[in-house]
Amino acid sequence: MALDTSRVNLTDEFLTKMQEPLSLSFEAMAALERGAIANPDEQRMVGHYWLRRPDIAPRADLAKAITDAIEQIKTFVEAVGSGA
C-alpha cells in the first residue's frame, strides 16, 4: 500500500519527529502478521491477515485450518446453489 502525501504539506520537522513512531508501528504490524500474541489476556493472535492469504500464516496447521474451512464453505455454497 502506498500513500501519496505530496499535497499534505508535511514539514521536514514533522517527518523527522514521526520517523521513530512510524518505524515502531511497522515493526509491531510485522510481528502481528508473523503470529505475535495480540490479545495477552486471552493469549490470542490476530488471524484476519491470514484469511485472505493462508500461505502467510505463521504455522502450517493454521494455514490448513483456513484452507479447509474455505473449501467446506465452497462445497456448501455449491450444494445450496444446485439445490442439493
N, C-alpha and C. Protein backbone atom coordinates (compact mmCIF):
# COMPACT_ATOMS: atom_id res chain seq x y z
N MET A 1 0.85 -1.16 0.00
CA MET A 1 0.00 0.00 0.00
C MET A 1 0.89 1.23 0.00
N ALA A 2 0.48 2.23 -0.70
CA ALA A 2 1.24 3.48 -0.76
C ALA A 2 0.29 4.63 -0.44
N LEU A 3 0.83 5.65 0.13
CA LEU A 3 0.06 6.84 0.47
C LEU A 3 0.77 8.05 -0.12
N ASP A 4 0.07 8.76 -0.97
CA ASP A 4 0.63 9.96 -1.59
C ASP A 4 0.42 11.13 -0.64
N THR A 5 1.51 11.62 -0.06
CA THR A 5 1.43 12.74 0.89
C THR A 5 1.92 14.04 0.25
N SER A 6 2.02 14.06 -1.07
CA SER A 6 2.60 15.22 -1.75
C SER A 6 1.78 16.49 -1.54
N ARG A 7 0.51 16.36 -1.24
CA ARG A 7 -0.33 17.55 -1.06
C ARG A 7 -0.75 17.77 0.39
N VAL A 8 -0.11 17.05 1.29
CA VAL A 8 -0.48 17.14 2.70
C VAL A 8 0.25 18.26 3.43
N ASN A 9 1.31 18.75 2.87
CA ASN A 9 2.09 19.84 3.46
C ASN A 9 2.74 19.43 4.78
N LEU A 10 3.38 18.26 4.78
CA LEU A 10 4.11 17.81 5.96
C LEU A 10 5.47 18.47 6.00
N THR A 11 5.82 18.98 7.14
CA THR A 11 7.12 19.63 7.27
C THR A 11 8.22 18.60 7.50
N ASP A 12 9.44 18.98 7.19
CA ASP A 12 10.58 18.10 7.46
C ASP A 12 10.67 17.81 8.95
N GLU A 13 10.36 18.79 9.77
CA GLU A 13 10.40 18.62 11.23
C GLU A 13 9.41 17.55 11.68
N PHE A 14 8.20 17.60 11.13
CA PHE A 14 7.19 16.62 11.47
C PHE A 14 7.61 15.22 11.03
N LEU A 15 8.12 15.11 9.81
CA LEU A 15 8.56 13.81 9.31
C LEU A 15 9.68 13.22 10.16
N THR A 16 10.61 14.07 10.57
CA THR A 16 11.70 13.62 11.43
C THR A 16 11.15 13.15 12.77
N LYS A 17 10.23 13.91 13.32
CA LYS A 17 9.61 13.59 14.61
C LYS A 17 8.84 12.26 14.54
N MET A 18 8.22 11.98 13.41
CA MET A 18 7.38 10.79 13.27
C MET A 18 8.14 9.55 12.80
N GLN A 19 9.39 9.70 12.44
CA GLN A 19 10.15 8.58 11.89
C GLN A 19 10.19 7.40 12.86
N GLU A 20 10.53 7.64 14.12
CA GLU A 20 10.62 6.55 15.09
C GLU A 20 9.24 5.93 15.39
N PRO A 21 8.21 6.74 15.69
CA PRO A 21 6.89 6.11 15.93
C PRO A 21 6.38 5.30 14.74
N LEU A 22 6.60 5.79 13.53
CA LEU A 22 6.18 5.03 12.35
C LEU A 22 6.96 3.72 12.22
N SER A 23 8.24 3.79 12.48
CA SER A 23 9.06 2.59 12.42
C SER A 23 8.59 1.56 13.43
N LEU A 24 8.27 2.00 14.65
CA LEU A 24 7.77 1.10 15.68
C LEU A 24 6.41 0.50 15.27
N SER A 25 5.59 1.30 14.64
CA SER A 25 4.29 0.81 14.17
C SER A 25 4.45 -0.27 13.11
N PHE A 26 5.36 -0.03 12.17
CA PHE A 26 5.60 -1.03 11.13
C PHE A 26 6.17 -2.32 11.72
N GLU A 27 7.04 -2.20 12.72
CA GLU A 27 7.60 -3.38 13.38
C GLU A 27 6.50 -4.14 14.12
N ALA A 28 5.61 -3.43 14.79
CA ALA A 28 4.51 -4.07 15.51
C ALA A 28 3.58 -4.79 14.54
N MET A 29 3.28 -4.16 13.43
CA MET A 29 2.40 -4.78 12.43
C MET A 29 3.05 -6.05 11.87
N ALA A 30 4.32 -5.99 11.58
CA ALA A 30 5.02 -7.17 11.06
C ALA A 30 5.00 -8.30 12.09
N ALA A 31 5.15 -7.98 13.36
CA ALA A 31 5.09 -9.00 14.41
C ALA A 31 3.71 -9.65 14.47
N LEU A 32 2.66 -8.85 14.35
CA LEU A 32 1.30 -9.40 14.35
C LEU A 32 1.10 -10.34 13.17
N GLU A 33 1.59 -9.94 12.02
CA GLU A 33 1.45 -10.76 10.82
C GLU A 33 2.21 -12.08 10.96
N ARG A 34 3.29 -12.07 11.76
CA ARG A 34 4.07 -13.29 11.99
C ARG A 34 3.46 -14.15 13.08
N GLY A 35 2.39 -13.69 13.75
CA GLY A 35 1.72 -14.50 14.76
C GLY A 35 1.95 -14.10 16.19
N ALA A 36 2.46 -12.89 16.42
CA ALA A 36 2.64 -12.42 17.80
C ALA A 36 1.29 -12.39 18.52
N ILE A 37 1.33 -12.57 19.81
CA ILE A 37 0.11 -12.51 20.61
C ILE A 37 -0.38 -11.07 20.64
N ALA A 38 -1.62 -10.87 20.16
CA ALA A 38 -2.20 -9.53 20.10
C ALA A 38 -3.10 -9.27 21.29
N ASN A 39 -3.64 -10.32 21.87
CA ASN A 39 -4.54 -10.19 23.00
C ASN A 39 -3.95 -10.99 24.15
N PRO A 40 -3.12 -10.34 24.98
CA PRO A 40 -2.43 -11.08 26.04
C PRO A 40 -3.37 -11.68 27.08
N ASP A 41 -4.52 -11.07 27.31
CA ASP A 41 -5.46 -11.62 28.29
C ASP A 41 -5.97 -12.99 27.86
N GLU A 42 -6.18 -13.16 26.56
CA GLU A 42 -6.70 -14.41 26.04
C GLU A 42 -5.64 -15.24 25.32
N GLN A 43 -4.41 -14.72 25.26
CA GLN A 43 -3.32 -15.40 24.55
C GLN A 43 -3.70 -15.72 23.11
N ARG A 44 -4.22 -14.70 22.41
CA ARG A 44 -4.68 -14.90 21.04
C ARG A 44 -3.86 -14.09 20.05
N MET A 45 -3.73 -14.69 18.85
CA MET A 45 -3.11 -13.99 17.73
C MET A 45 -4.22 -13.27 16.96
N VAL A 46 -3.80 -12.43 16.02
CA VAL A 46 -4.76 -11.78 15.12
C VAL A 46 -4.64 -12.50 13.78
N GLY A 47 -5.70 -13.21 13.41
CA GLY A 47 -5.61 -14.05 12.24
C GLY A 47 -6.23 -13.53 10.98
N HIS A 48 -6.85 -12.36 11.02
CA HIS A 48 -7.52 -11.91 9.80
C HIS A 48 -6.55 -11.64 8.66
N TYR A 49 -5.28 -11.48 8.95
CA TYR A 49 -4.29 -11.30 7.89
C TYR A 49 -4.20 -12.56 7.03
N TRP A 50 -4.39 -13.69 7.67
CA TRP A 50 -4.18 -14.97 7.01
C TRP A 50 -5.42 -15.48 6.31
N LEU A 51 -6.58 -14.92 6.60
CA LEU A 51 -7.80 -15.42 5.99
C LEU A 51 -7.80 -15.21 4.47
N ARG A 52 -7.21 -14.13 4.03
CA ARG A 52 -7.11 -13.88 2.59
C ARG A 52 -5.89 -14.55 1.98
N ARG A 53 -4.88 -14.77 2.82
CA ARG A 53 -3.63 -15.38 2.34
C ARG A 53 -3.15 -16.44 3.32
N PRO A 54 -3.77 -17.61 3.34
CA PRO A 54 -3.37 -18.64 4.29
C PRO A 54 -1.90 -19.02 4.18
N ASP A 55 -1.31 -18.80 3.02
CA ASP A 55 0.10 -19.15 2.83
C ASP A 55 1.05 -18.32 3.69
N ILE A 56 0.57 -17.21 4.25
CA ILE A 56 1.44 -16.41 5.12
C ILE A 56 1.17 -16.66 6.60
N ALA A 57 0.29 -17.61 6.91
CA ALA A 57 0.03 -17.95 8.31
C ALA A 57 1.33 -18.42 8.95
N PRO A 58 1.53 -18.12 10.24
CA PRO A 58 2.80 -18.44 10.89
C PRO A 58 3.01 -19.94 11.15
N ARG A 59 1.93 -20.72 11.05
CA ARG A 59 2.06 -22.15 11.29
C ARG A 59 1.26 -22.91 10.22
N ALA A 60 1.77 -24.08 9.85
CA ALA A 60 1.12 -24.88 8.82
C ALA A 60 -0.27 -25.34 9.25
N ASP A 61 -0.47 -25.63 10.53
CA ASP A 61 -1.79 -26.08 10.97
C ASP A 61 -2.83 -24.98 10.85
N LEU A 62 -2.42 -23.73 11.05
CA LEU A 62 -3.35 -22.61 10.87
C LEU A 62 -3.71 -22.44 9.40
N ALA A 63 -2.71 -22.52 8.54
CA ALA A 63 -2.96 -22.40 7.10
C ALA A 63 -3.90 -23.51 6.63
N LYS A 64 -3.69 -24.73 7.12
CA LYS A 64 -4.55 -25.85 6.73
C LYS A 64 -5.97 -25.65 7.25
N ALA A 65 -6.12 -25.20 8.47
CA ALA A 65 -7.46 -24.97 9.02
C ALA A 65 -8.22 -23.94 8.19
N ILE A 66 -7.51 -22.91 7.76
CA ILE A 66 -8.15 -21.86 6.95
C ILE A 66 -8.54 -22.40 5.58
N THR A 67 -7.61 -23.07 4.92
CA THR A 67 -7.93 -23.58 3.58
C THR A 67 -9.02 -24.65 3.65
N ASP A 68 -9.01 -25.49 4.69
CA ASP A 68 -10.07 -26.49 4.85
C ASP A 68 -11.42 -25.82 5.04
N ALA A 69 -11.48 -24.78 5.86
CA ALA A 69 -12.74 -24.07 6.09
C ALA A 69 -13.24 -23.41 4.81
N ILE A 70 -12.34 -22.84 4.05
CA ILE A 70 -12.73 -22.22 2.78
C ILE A 70 -13.30 -23.26 1.82
N GLU A 71 -12.68 -24.42 1.76
CA GLU A 71 -13.18 -25.49 0.89
C GLU A 71 -14.55 -25.98 1.35
N GLN A 72 -14.76 -26.09 2.66
CA GLN A 72 -16.06 -26.50 3.18
C GLN A 72 -17.14 -25.48 2.82
N ILE A 73 -16.79 -24.21 2.91
CA ILE A 73 -17.75 -23.15 2.55
C ILE A 73 -18.08 -23.22 1.06
N LYS A 74 -17.07 -23.41 0.22
CA LYS A 74 -17.31 -23.51 -1.22
C LYS A 74 -18.20 -24.70 -1.55
N THR A 75 -17.95 -25.83 -0.89
CA THR A 75 -18.75 -27.02 -1.10
C THR A 75 -20.20 -26.77 -0.69
N PHE A 76 -20.39 -26.14 0.44
CA PHE A 76 -21.73 -25.81 0.91
C PHE A 76 -22.44 -24.87 -0.05
N VAL A 77 -21.74 -23.84 -0.52
CA VAL A 77 -22.34 -22.87 -1.45
C VAL A 77 -22.74 -23.57 -2.74
N GLU A 78 -21.89 -24.45 -3.25
CA GLU A 78 -22.23 -25.18 -4.47
C GLU A 78 -23.47 -26.06 -4.26
N ALA A 79 -23.55 -26.70 -3.09
CA ALA A 79 -24.70 -27.55 -2.80
C ALA A 79 -25.99 -26.73 -2.72
N VAL A 80 -25.91 -25.58 -2.08
CA VAL A 80 -27.10 -24.71 -1.99
C VAL A 80 -27.48 -24.21 -3.38
N GLY A 81 -26.50 -23.80 -4.14
CA GLY A 81 -26.75 -23.28 -5.48
C GLY A 81 -27.35 -24.31 -6.43
N SER A 82 -26.98 -25.56 -6.24
CA SER A 82 -27.50 -26.62 -7.12
C SER A 82 -28.81 -27.21 -6.60
N GLY A 83 -29.22 -26.79 -5.41
CA GLY A 83 -30.47 -27.31 -4.85
C GLY A 83 -30.30 -28.61 -4.08
N ALA A 84 -29.08 -29.07 -3.95
CA ALA A 84 -28.82 -30.31 -3.22
C ALA A 84 -29.17 -30.14 -1.76
